[in-house]
C-alpha cells in the first residue's frame, strides 16, 4: 500500500525528518536528491537514528555506534545484529509516497 508521507519541498537536499506512517516511526532522508525512507529506531536498543552520523550510504546510531546501510538496511557494524527496514519510495507530482 502506497501512502503519502510528505511533500518533496519539505525535505531539501541533505536534510532528514521524522514522520509516522501507518503507525511506524520512519526517517525520510534526501540524500543528494534521492529520497529514502527507513526505520527511525536502531534495532539494538531502540535509540533514534534521526541525528545519527551519515557517511556515504551508512547511518551510525548515536547511542552505541551501530551502523546500517540506508539503501539495503543491512548492519554494517554492531552491536546491532538485525537490519533496519528500508521502504520503497516514489515521488509523484511533488509528493513523497512510501510503500508500507
PDB file of N, CA and C in Angstrom:
ATOM      1  N   UNK A   1       0.840  -1.177   0.000  1.00  0.00           N
ATOM      2  CA  UNK A   1       0.000   0.000   0.000  1.00  0.00           C
ATOM      3  C   UNK A   1       0.887   1.244   0.000  1.00  0.00           C
ATOM      4  N   UNK A   2       0.656   2.138  -0.915  1.00  0.00           N
ATOM      5  CA  UNK A   2       1.425   3.361  -1.042  1.00  0.00           C
ATOM      6  C   UNK A   2       0.717   4.494  -0.299  1.00  0.00           C
ATOM      7  N   UNK A   3       1.482   5.206   0.561  1.00  0.00           N
ATOM      8  CA  UNK A   3       0.929   6.247   1.410  1.00  0.00           C
ATOM      9  C   UNK A   3       1.717   7.535   1.203  1.00  0.00           C
ATOM     10  N   UNK A   4       1.003   8.675   1.114  1.00  0.00           N
ATOM     11  CA  UNK A   4       1.709   9.953   1.011  1.00  0.00           C
ATOM     12  C   UNK A   4       2.335  10.273   2.359  1.00  0.00           C
ATOM     13  N   UNK A   5       3.644  10.532   2.343  1.00  0.00           N
ATOM     14  CA  UNK A   5       4.378  10.772   3.574  1.00  0.00           C
ATOM     15  C   UNK A   5       4.698  12.244   3.789  1.00  0.00           C
ATOM     16  N   UNK A   6       4.999  12.969   2.716  1.00  0.00           N
ATOM     17  CA  UNK A   6       5.399  14.373   2.818  1.00  0.00           C
ATOM     18  C   UNK A   6       5.441  14.967   1.423  1.00  0.00           C
ATOM     19  N   UNK A   7       5.662  16.256   1.377  1.00  0.00           N
ATOM     20  CA  UNK A   7       5.899  16.950   0.107  1.00  0.00           C
ATOM     21  C   UNK A   7       7.401  17.027  -0.107  1.00  0.00           C
ATOM     22  N   UNK A   8       7.832  16.894  -1.338  1.00  0.00           N
ATOM     23  CA  UNK A   8       9.248  16.922  -1.666  1.00  0.00           C
ATOM     24  C   UNK A   8       9.911  18.206  -1.163  1.00  0.00           C
ATOM     25  N   UNK A   9       9.209  19.320  -1.243  1.00  0.00           N
ATOM     26  CA  UNK A   9       9.771  20.605  -0.832  1.00  0.00           C
ATOM     27  C   UNK A   9      10.058  20.670   0.675  1.00  0.00           C
ATOM     28  N   UNK A  10       9.488  19.761   1.468  1.00  0.00           N
ATOM     29  CA  UNK A  10       9.713  19.741   2.912  1.00  0.00           C
ATOM     30  C   UNK A  10      11.077  19.167   3.286  1.00  0.00           C
ATOM     31  N   UNK A  11      11.734  18.511   2.327  1.00  0.00           N
ATOM     32  CA  UNK A  11      12.996  17.847   2.625  1.00  0.00           C
ATOM     33  C   UNK A  11      14.054  18.271   1.607  1.00  0.00           C
ATOM     34  N   UNK A  12      14.704  19.404   1.838  1.00  0.00           N
ATOM     35  CA  UNK A  12      15.761  19.837   0.921  1.00  0.00           C
ATOM     36  C   UNK A  12      16.926  18.843   0.916  1.00  0.00           C
ATOM     37  N   UNK A  13      17.727  18.888  -0.113  1.00  0.00           N
ATOM     38  CA  UNK A  13      18.890  18.006  -0.228  1.00  0.00           C
ATOM     39  C   UNK A  13      19.750  18.086   1.034  1.00  0.00           C
ATOM     40  N   UNK A  14      20.113  16.913   1.555  1.00  0.00           N
ATOM     41  CA  UNK A  14      20.956  16.824   2.741  1.00  0.00           C
ATOM     42  C   UNK A  14      20.197  16.849   4.053  1.00  0.00           C
ATOM     43  N   UNK A  15      18.867  16.969   4.003  1.00  0.00           N
ATOM     44  CA  UNK A  15      18.101  17.032   5.250  1.00  0.00           C
ATOM     45  C   UNK A  15      17.338  15.735   5.497  1.00  0.00           C
ATOM     46  N   UNK A  16      16.807  15.625   6.710  1.00  0.00           N
ATOM     47  CA  UNK A  16      16.013  14.455   7.096  1.00  0.00           C
ATOM     48  C   UNK A  16      14.973  14.873   8.113  1.00  0.00           C
ATOM     49  N   UNK A  17      13.861  14.163   8.093  1.00  0.00           N
ATOM     50  CA  UNK A  17      12.797  14.422   9.054  1.00  0.00           C
ATOM     51  C   UNK A  17      12.274  13.097   9.588  1.00  0.00           C
ATOM     52  N   UNK A  18      11.653  13.176  10.756  1.00  0.00           N
ATOM     53  CA  UNK A  18      10.999  12.022  11.357  1.00  0.00           C
ATOM     54  C   UNK A  18       9.511  12.119  11.057  1.00  0.00           C
ATOM     55  N   UNK A  19       8.924  11.041  10.565  1.00  0.00           N
ATOM     56  CA  UNK A  19       7.489  11.005  10.281  1.00  0.00           C
ATOM     57  C   UNK A  19       6.902   9.706  10.828  1.00  0.00           C
ATOM     58  N   UNK A  20       5.606   9.702  11.000  1.00  0.00           N
ATOM     59  CA  UNK A  20       4.901   8.479  11.381  1.00  0.00           C
ATOM     60  C   UNK A  20       3.942   8.131  10.249  1.00  0.00           C
ATOM     61  N   UNK A  21       4.095   6.927   9.714  1.00  0.00           N
ATOM     62  CA  UNK A  21       3.261   6.445   8.619  1.00  0.00           C
ATOM     63  C   UNK A  21       2.722   5.075   9.005  1.00  0.00           C
ATOM     64  N   UNK A  22       1.408   4.939   8.978  1.00  0.00           N
ATOM     65  CA  UNK A  22       0.757   3.670   9.330  1.00  0.00           C
ATOM     66  C   UNK A  22       1.256   3.132  10.672  1.00  0.00           C
ATOM     67  N   UNK A  23       1.450   4.038  11.637  1.00  0.00           N
ATOM     68  CA  UNK A  23       1.886   3.643  12.971  1.00  0.00           C
ATOM     69  C   UNK A  23       3.361   3.350  13.108  1.00  0.00           C
ATOM     70  N   UNK A  24       4.132   3.541  12.035  1.00  0.00           N
ATOM     71  CA  UNK A  24       5.572   3.269  12.066  1.00  0.00           C
ATOM     72  C   UNK A  24       6.340   4.592  12.083  1.00  0.00           C
ATOM     73  N   UNK A  25       7.344   4.678  12.955  1.00  0.00           N
ATOM     74  CA  UNK A  25       8.198   5.860  13.025  1.00  0.00           C
ATOM     75  C   UNK A  25       9.338   5.684  12.022  1.00  0.00           C
ATOM     76  N   UNK A  26       9.397   6.592  11.050  1.00  0.00           N
ATOM     77  CA  UNK A  26      10.373   6.489   9.964  1.00  0.00           C
ATOM     78  C   UNK A  26      11.201   7.757   9.839  1.00  0.00           C
ATOM     79  N   UNK A  27      12.324   7.636   9.168  1.00  0.00           N
ATOM     80  CA  UNK A  27      13.124   8.776   8.767  1.00  0.00           C
ATOM     81  C   UNK A  27      12.984   8.918   7.260  1.00  0.00           C
ATOM     82  N   UNK A  28      12.676  10.133   6.820  1.00  0.00           N
ATOM     83  CA  UNK A  28      12.717  10.476   5.401  1.00  0.00           C
ATOM     84  C   UNK A  28      13.987  11.282   5.206  1.00  0.00           C
ATOM     85  N   UNK A  29      14.807  10.870   4.270  1.00  0.00           N
ATOM     86  CA  UNK A  29      16.112  11.483   4.054  1.00  0.00           C
ATOM     87  C   UNK A  29      16.267  11.847   2.591  1.00  0.00           C
ATOM     88  N   UNK A  30      16.732  13.061   2.342  1.00  0.00           N
ATOM     89  CA  UNK A  30      17.068  13.479   0.981  1.00  0.00           C
ATOM     90  C   UNK A  30      18.579  13.375   0.873  1.00  0.00           C
ATOM     91  N   UNK A  31      19.035  12.306   0.251  1.00  0.00           N
ATOM     92  CA  UNK A  31      20.459  12.027   0.108  1.00  0.00           C
ATOM     93  C   UNK A  31      20.905  12.460  -1.288  1.00  0.00           C
ATOM     94  N   UNK A  32      21.259  13.746  -1.414  1.00  0.00           N
ATOM     95  CA  UNK A  32      21.665  14.324  -2.701  1.00  0.00           C
ATOM     96  C   UNK A  32      20.618  14.102  -3.789  1.00  0.00           C
ATOM     97  N   UNK A  33      19.350  14.345  -3.445  1.00  0.00           N
ATOM     98  CA  UNK A  33      18.275  14.244  -4.420  1.00  0.00           C
ATOM     99  C   UNK A  33      17.563  12.908  -4.445  1.00  0.00           C
ATOM    100  N   UNK A  34      18.127  11.888  -3.809  1.00  0.00           N
ATOM    101  CA  UNK A  34      17.458  10.585  -3.720  1.00  0.00           C
ATOM    102  C   UNK A  34      16.739  10.508  -2.377  1.00  0.00           C
ATOM    103  N   UNK A  35      15.433  10.290  -2.431  1.00  0.00           N
ATOM    104  CA  UNK A  35      14.636  10.220  -1.208  1.00  0.00           C
ATOM    105  C   UNK A  35      14.618   8.788  -0.700  1.00  0.00           C
ATOM    106  N   UNK A  36      14.952   8.622   0.569  1.00  0.00           N
ATOM    107  CA  UNK A  36      14.988   7.314   1.208  1.00  0.00           C
ATOM    108  C   UNK A  36      14.099   7.322   2.442  1.00  0.00           C
ATOM    109  N   UNK A  37      13.525   6.176   2.765  1.00  0.00           N
ATOM    110  CA  UNK A  37      12.709   6.022   3.978  1.00  0.00           C
ATOM    111  C   UNK A  37      13.140   4.745   4.678  1.00  0.00           C
ATOM    112  N   UNK A  38      13.378   4.860   5.981  1.00  0.00           N
ATOM    113  CA  UNK A  38      13.804   3.693   6.756  1.00  0.00           C
ATOM    114  C   UNK A  38      13.389   3.864   8.212  1.00  0.00           C
ATOM    115  N   UNK A  39      13.441   2.744   8.967  1.00  0.00           N
ATOM    116  CA  UNK A  39      13.070   2.763  10.380  1.00  0.00           C
ATOM    117  C   UNK A  39      13.859   3.818  11.133  1.00  0.00           C
ATOM    118  N   UNK A  40      13.179   4.512  12.038  1.00  0.00           N
ATOM    119  CA  UNK A  40      13.806   5.570  12.827  1.00  0.00           C
ATOM    120  C   UNK A  40      14.570   5.008  14.017  1.00  0.00           C
ATOM    121  N   UNK A  41      14.214   3.818  14.465  1.00  0.00           N
ATOM    122  CA  UNK A  41      14.824   3.238  15.665  1.00  0.00           C
ATOM    123  C   UNK A  41      15.916   2.222  15.315  1.00  0.00           C
ATOM    124  N   UNK A  42      17.007   2.310  16.045  1.00  0.00           N
ATOM    125  CA  UNK A  42      18.086   1.318  15.937  1.00  0.00           C
ATOM    126  C   UNK A  42      17.556  -0.016  16.456  1.00  0.00           C
ATOM    127  N   UNK A  43      17.937  -1.097  15.811  1.00  0.00           N
ATOM    128  CA  UNK A  43      17.457  -2.421  16.217  1.00  0.00           C
ATOM    129  C   UNK A  43      18.210  -2.968  17.430  1.00  0.00           C
ATOM    130  N   UNK A  44      19.238  -2.278  17.882  1.00  0.00           N
ATOM    131  CA  UNK A  44      19.996  -2.734  19.045  1.00  0.00           C
ATOM    132  C   UNK A  44      19.258  -2.420  20.337  1.00  0.00           C
ATOM    133  N   UNK A  45      19.043  -1.133  20.614  1.00  0.00           N
ATOM    134  CA  UNK A  45      18.374  -0.741  21.852  1.00  0.00           C
ATOM    135  C   UNK A  45      17.268   0.289  21.628  1.00  0.00           C
ATOM    136  N   UNK A  46      16.910   0.533  20.379  1.00  0.00           N
ATOM    137  CA  UNK A  46      15.793   1.418  20.094  1.00  0.00           C
ATOM    138  C   UNK A  46      16.113   2.906  20.109  1.00  0.00           C
ATOM    139  N   UNK A  47      17.384   3.259  20.085  1.00  0.00           N
ATOM    140  CA  UNK A  47      17.758   4.675  20.034  1.00  0.00           C
ATOM    141  C   UNK A  47      17.347   5.264  18.683  1.00  0.00           C
ATOM    142  N   UNK A  48      17.075   6.558  18.679  1.00  0.00           N
ATOM    143  CA  UNK A  48      16.690   7.230  17.438  1.00  0.00           C
ATOM    144  C   UNK A  48      17.897   7.410  16.521  1.00  0.00           C
ATOM    145  N   UNK A  49      17.702   7.118  15.248  1.00  0.00           N
ATOM    146  CA  UNK A  49      18.737   7.321  14.244  1.00  0.00           C
ATOM    147  C   UNK A  49      18.647   8.697  13.594  1.00  0.00           C
ATOM    148  N   UNK A  50      17.668   9.499  13.998  1.00  0.00           N
ATOM    149  CA  UNK A  50      17.424  10.782  13.343  1.00  0.00           C
ATOM    150  C   UNK A  50      18.662  11.675  13.332  1.00  0.00           C
ATOM    151  N   UNK A  51      19.410  11.709  14.415  1.00  0.00           N
ATOM    152  CA  UNK A  51      20.601  12.559  14.483  1.00  0.00           C
ATOM    153  C   UNK A  51      21.889  11.764  14.279  1.00  0.00           C
ATOM    154  N   UNK A  52      21.742  10.545  13.778  1.00  0.00           N
ATOM    155  CA  UNK A  52      22.910   9.710  13.528  1.00  0.00           C
ATOM    156  C   UNK A  52      23.800  10.278  12.437  1.00  0.00           C
ATOM    157  N   UNK A  53      25.085  10.024  12.556  1.00  0.00           N
ATOM    158  CA  UNK A  53      26.060  10.494  11.569  1.00  0.00           C
ATOM    159  C   UNK A  53      25.892   9.705  10.276  1.00  0.00           C
ATOM    160  N   UNK A  54      25.780  10.445   9.170  1.00  0.00           N
ATOM    161  CA  UNK A  54      25.617   9.838   7.852  1.00  0.00           C
ATOM    162  C   UNK A  54      26.941   9.924   7.108  1.00  0.00           C
ATOM    163  N   UNK A  55      27.479   8.776   6.722  1.00  0.00           N
ATOM    164  CA  UNK A  55      28.711   8.709   5.953  1.00  0.00           C
ATOM    165  C   UNK A  55      28.460   7.803   4.764  1.00  0.00           C
ATOM    166  N   UNK A  56      28.639   8.369   3.568  1.00  0.00           N
ATOM    167  CA  UNK A  56      28.308   7.639   2.341  1.00  0.00           C
ATOM    168  C   UNK A  56      26.857   7.181   2.442  1.00  0.00           C
ATOM    169  N   UNK A  57      26.608   5.892   2.366  1.00  0.00           N
ATOM    170  CA  UNK A  57      25.237   5.376   2.468  1.00  0.00           C
ATOM    171  C   UNK A  57      25.009   4.651   3.786  1.00  0.00           C
ATOM    172  N   UNK A  58      25.737   5.052   4.830  1.00  0.00           N
ATOM    173  CA  UNK A  58      25.612   4.413   6.136  1.00  0.00           C
ATOM    174  C   UNK A  58      25.234   5.435   7.193  1.00  0.00           C
ATOM    175  N   UNK A  59      24.357   5.013   8.103  1.00  0.00           N
ATOM    176  CA  UNK A  59      23.987   5.865   9.228  1.00  0.00           C
ATOM    177  C   UNK A  59      24.444   5.192  10.511  1.00  0.00           C
ATOM    178  N   UNK A  60      24.993   6.006  11.412  1.00  0.00           N
ATOM    179  CA  UNK A  60      25.536   5.491  12.661  1.00  0.00           C
ATOM    180  C   UNK A  60      24.630   5.888  13.822  1.00  0.00           C
ATOM    181  N   UNK A  61      24.266   4.929  14.641  1.00  0.00           N
ATOM    182  CA  UNK A  61      23.445   5.194  15.814  1.00  0.00           C
ATOM    183  C   UNK A  61      24.255   6.009  16.820  1.00  0.00           C
ATOM    184  N   UNK A  62      23.710   7.131  17.290  1.00  0.00           N
ATOM    185  CA  UNK A  62      24.457   7.963  18.226  1.00  0.00           C
ATOM    186  C   UNK A  62      24.619   7.344  19.619  1.00  0.00           C
ATOM    187  N   UNK A  63      23.870   6.314  19.945  1.00  0.00           N
ATOM    188  CA  UNK A  63      23.944   5.722  21.291  1.00  0.00           C
ATOM    189  C   UNK A  63      25.078   4.705  21.443  1.00  0.00           C
ATOM    190  N   UNK A  64      25.122   3.710  20.561  1.00  0.00           N
ATOM    191  CA  UNK A  64      26.096   2.632  20.725  1.00  0.00           C
ATOM    192  C   UNK A  64      26.911   2.373  19.460  1.00  0.00           C
ATOM    193  N   UNK A  65      26.809   3.285  18.484  1.00  0.00           N
ATOM    194  CA  UNK A  65      27.643   3.294  17.280  1.00  0.00           C
ATOM    195  C   UNK A  65      27.400   2.156  16.294  1.00  0.00           C
ATOM    196  N   UNK A  66      26.243   1.499  16.388  1.00  0.00           N
ATOM    197  CA  UNK A  66      25.892   0.525  15.348  1.00  0.00           C
ATOM    198  C   UNK A  66      25.728   1.299  14.040  1.00  0.00           C
ATOM    199  N   UNK A  67      26.080   0.662  12.923  1.00  0.00           N
ATOM    200  CA  UNK A  67      25.928   1.315  11.617  1.00  0.00           C
ATOM    201  C   UNK A  67      25.084   0.460  10.702  1.00  0.00           C
ATOM    202  N   UNK A  68      24.249   1.156   9.912  1.00  0.00           N
ATOM    203  CA  UNK A  68      23.352   0.490   8.977  1.00  0.00           C
ATOM    204  C   UNK A  68      23.491   1.118   7.600  1.00  0.00           C
ATOM    205  N   UNK A  69      23.355   0.285   6.568  1.00  0.00           N
ATOM    206  CA  UNK A  69      23.311   0.793   5.204  1.00  0.00           C
ATOM    207  C   UNK A  69      21.897   1.290   4.952  1.00  0.00           C
ATOM    208  N   UNK A  70      21.753   2.550   4.514  1.00  0.00           N
ATOM    209  CA  UNK A  70      20.419   3.134   4.347  1.00  0.00           C
ATOM    210  C   UNK A  70      19.756   2.735   3.025  1.00  0.00           C
ATOM    211  N   UNK A  71      20.485   2.053   2.153  1.00  0.00           N
ATOM    212  CA  UNK A  71      19.918   1.559   0.902  1.00  0.00           C
ATOM    213  C   UNK A  71      19.322   0.160   1.116  1.00  0.00           C
ATOM    214  N   UNK A  72      20.079  -0.702   1.798  1.00  0.00           N
ATOM    215  CA  UNK A  72      19.653  -2.096   1.993  1.00  0.00           C
ATOM    216  C   UNK A  72      19.097  -2.376   3.385  1.00  0.00           C
ATOM    217  N   UNK A  73      19.471  -1.548   4.380  1.00  0.00           N
ATOM    218  CA  UNK A  73      19.074  -1.795   5.763  1.00  0.00           C
ATOM    219  C   UNK A  73      20.044  -2.691   6.522  1.00  0.00           C
ATOM    220  N   UNK A  74      21.013  -3.276   5.821  1.00  0.00           N
ATOM    221  CA  UNK A  74      21.940  -4.231   6.444  1.00  0.00           C
ATOM    222  C   UNK A  74      22.788  -3.587   7.541  1.00  0.00           C
ATOM    223  N   UNK A  75      23.101  -4.411   8.540  1.00  0.00           N
ATOM    224  CA  UNK A  75      24.003  -3.993   9.608  1.00  0.00           C
ATOM    225  C   UNK A  75      25.423  -3.973   9.040  1.00  0.00           C
ATOM    226  N   UNK A  76      26.093  -2.839   9.185  1.00  0.00           N
ATOM    227  CA  UNK A  76      27.474  -2.693   8.734  1.00  0.00           C
ATOM    228  C   UNK A  76      28.429  -2.905   9.901  1.00  0.00           C
ATOM    229  N   UNK A  77      27.988  -2.474  11.090  1.00  0.00           N
ATOM    230  CA  UNK A  77      28.813  -2.603  12.295  1.00  0.00           C
ATOM    231  C   UNK A  77      27.892  -2.802  13.487  1.00  0.00           C
ATOM    232  N   UNK A  78      28.240  -3.738  14.373  1.00  0.00           N
ATOM    233  CA  UNK A  78      27.469  -3.979  15.585  1.00  0.00           C
ATOM    234  C   UNK A  78      27.659  -2.858  16.581  1.00  0.00           C
ATOM    235  N   UNK A  79      26.959  -2.937  17.678  1.00  0.00           N
ATOM    236  CA  UNK A  79      26.412  -4.134  18.303  1.00  0.00           C
ATOM    237  C   UNK A  79      25.069  -4.623  17.747  1.00  0.00           C
ATOM    238  N   UNK A  80      24.390  -3.863  16.909  1.00  0.00           N
ATOM    239  CA  UNK A  80      23.122  -4.345  16.336  1.00  0.00           C
ATOM    240  C   UNK A  80      23.391  -5.590  15.488  1.00  0.00           C
ATOM    241  N   UNK A  81      22.424  -6.507  15.496  1.00  0.00           N
ATOM    242  CA  UNK A  81      22.542  -7.713  14.672  1.00  0.00           C
ATOM    243  C   UNK A  81      21.404  -7.820  13.662  1.00  0.00           C
ATOM    244  N   UNK A  82      20.307  -7.088  13.900  1.00  0.00           N
ATOM    245  CA  UNK A  82      19.160  -7.117  12.990  1.00  0.00           C
ATOM    246  C   UNK A  82      19.187  -5.880  12.101  1.00  0.00           C
ATOM    247  N   UNK A  83      18.867  -6.030  10.824  1.00  0.00           N
ATOM    248  CA  UNK A  83      18.831  -4.868   9.919  1.00  0.00           C
ATOM    249  C   UNK A  83      17.651  -3.952  10.236  1.00  0.00           C
ATOM    250  N   UNK A  84      17.744  -2.715   9.753  1.00  0.00           N
ATOM    251  CA  UNK A  84      16.590  -1.813   9.800  1.00  0.00           C
ATOM    252  C   UNK A  84      15.775  -2.060   8.527  1.00  0.00           C
ATOM    253  N   UNK A  85      14.502  -1.731   8.577  1.00  0.00           N
ATOM    254  CA  UNK A  85      13.649  -1.894   7.407  1.00  0.00           C
ATOM    255  C   UNK A  85      13.752  -0.625   6.553  1.00  0.00           C
ATOM    256  N   UNK A  86      13.996  -0.830   5.263  1.00  0.00           N
ATOM    257  CA  UNK A  86      14.030   0.257   4.289  1.00  0.00           C
ATOM    258  C   UNK A  86      12.783   0.121   3.425  1.00  0.00           C
ATOM    259  N   UNK A  87      12.081   1.231   3.216  1.00  0.00           N
ATOM    260  CA  UNK A  87      10.808   1.209   2.499  1.00  0.00           C
ATOM    261  C   UNK A  87      10.961   1.797   1.102  1.00  0.00           C
ATOM    262  N   UNK A  88      10.304   1.190   0.108  1.00  0.00           N
ATOM    263  CA  UNK A  88      10.337   1.742  -1.255  1.00  0.00           C
ATOM    264  C   UNK A  88       9.659   3.114  -1.302  1.00  0.00           C
ATOM    265  N   UNK A  89      10.302   4.048  -2.009  1.00  0.00           N
ATOM    266  CA  UNK A  89       9.808   5.418  -2.113  1.00  0.00           C
ATOM    267  C   UNK A  89       9.679   5.813  -3.576  1.00  0.00           C
ATOM    268  N   UNK A  90       8.607   6.527  -3.888  1.00  0.00           N
ATOM    269  CA  UNK A  90       8.468   7.163  -5.196  1.00  0.00           C
ATOM    270  C   UNK A  90       8.058   8.610  -4.962  1.00  0.00           C
ATOM    271  N   UNK A  91       8.339   9.457  -5.946  1.00  0.00           N
ATOM    272  CA  UNK A  91       7.899  10.837  -5.890  1.00  0.00           C
ATOM    273  C   UNK A  91       6.927  11.053  -7.045  1.00  0.00           C
ATOM    274  N   UNK A  92       5.710  11.474  -6.709  1.00  0.00           N
ATOM    275  CA  UNK A  92       4.661  11.672  -7.697  1.00  0.00           C
ATOM    276  C   UNK A  92       4.077  13.078  -7.553  1.00  0.00           C
ATOM    277  N   UNK A  93       4.250  13.896  -8.571  1.00  0.00           N
ATOM    278  CA  UNK A  93       3.712  15.260  -8.558  1.00  0.00           C
ATOM    279  C   UNK A  93       4.115  16.037  -7.312  1.00  0.00           C
ATOM    280  N   UNK A  94       5.361  15.888  -6.883  1.00  0.00           N
ATOM    281  CA  UNK A  94       5.865  16.608  -5.722  1.00  0.00           C
ATOM    282  C   UNK A  94       5.532  15.992  -4.385  1.00  0.00           C
ATOM    283  N   UNK A  95       4.836  14.843  -4.390  1.00  0.00           N
ATOM    284  CA  UNK A  95       4.500  14.133  -3.153  1.00  0.00           C
ATOM    285  C   UNK A  95       5.388  12.915  -2.997  1.00  0.00           C
ATOM    286  N   UNK A  96       5.903  12.735  -1.787  1.00  0.00           N
ATOM    287  CA  UNK A  96       6.713  11.546  -1.482  1.00  0.00           C
ATOM    288  C   UNK A  96       5.763  10.435  -1.036  1.00  0.00           C
ATOM    289  N   UNK A  97       5.797   9.339  -1.775  1.00  0.00           N
ATOM    290  CA  UNK A  97       4.940   8.195  -1.491  1.00  0.00           C
ATOM    291  C   UNK A  97       5.798   7.041  -0.983  1.00  0.00           C
ATOM    292  N   UNK A  98       5.363   6.422   0.121  1.00  0.00           N
ATOM    293  CA  UNK A  98       6.079   5.295   0.711  1.00  0.00           C
ATOM    294  C   UNK A  98       5.201   4.058   0.604  1.00  0.00           C
ATOM    295  N   UNK A  99       5.814   2.969   0.164  1.00  0.00           N
ATOM    296  CA  UNK A  99       5.112   1.697   0.093  1.00  0.00           C
ATOM    297  C   UNK A  99       5.295   0.986   1.427  1.00  0.00           C
ATOM    298  N   UNK A 100       4.221   0.956   2.222  1.00  0.00           N
ATOM    299  CA  UNK A 100       4.263   0.339   3.561  1.00  0.00           C
ATOM    300  C   UNK A 100       3.651  -1.054   3.487  1.00  0.00           C
TER     301      UNK A 100
END
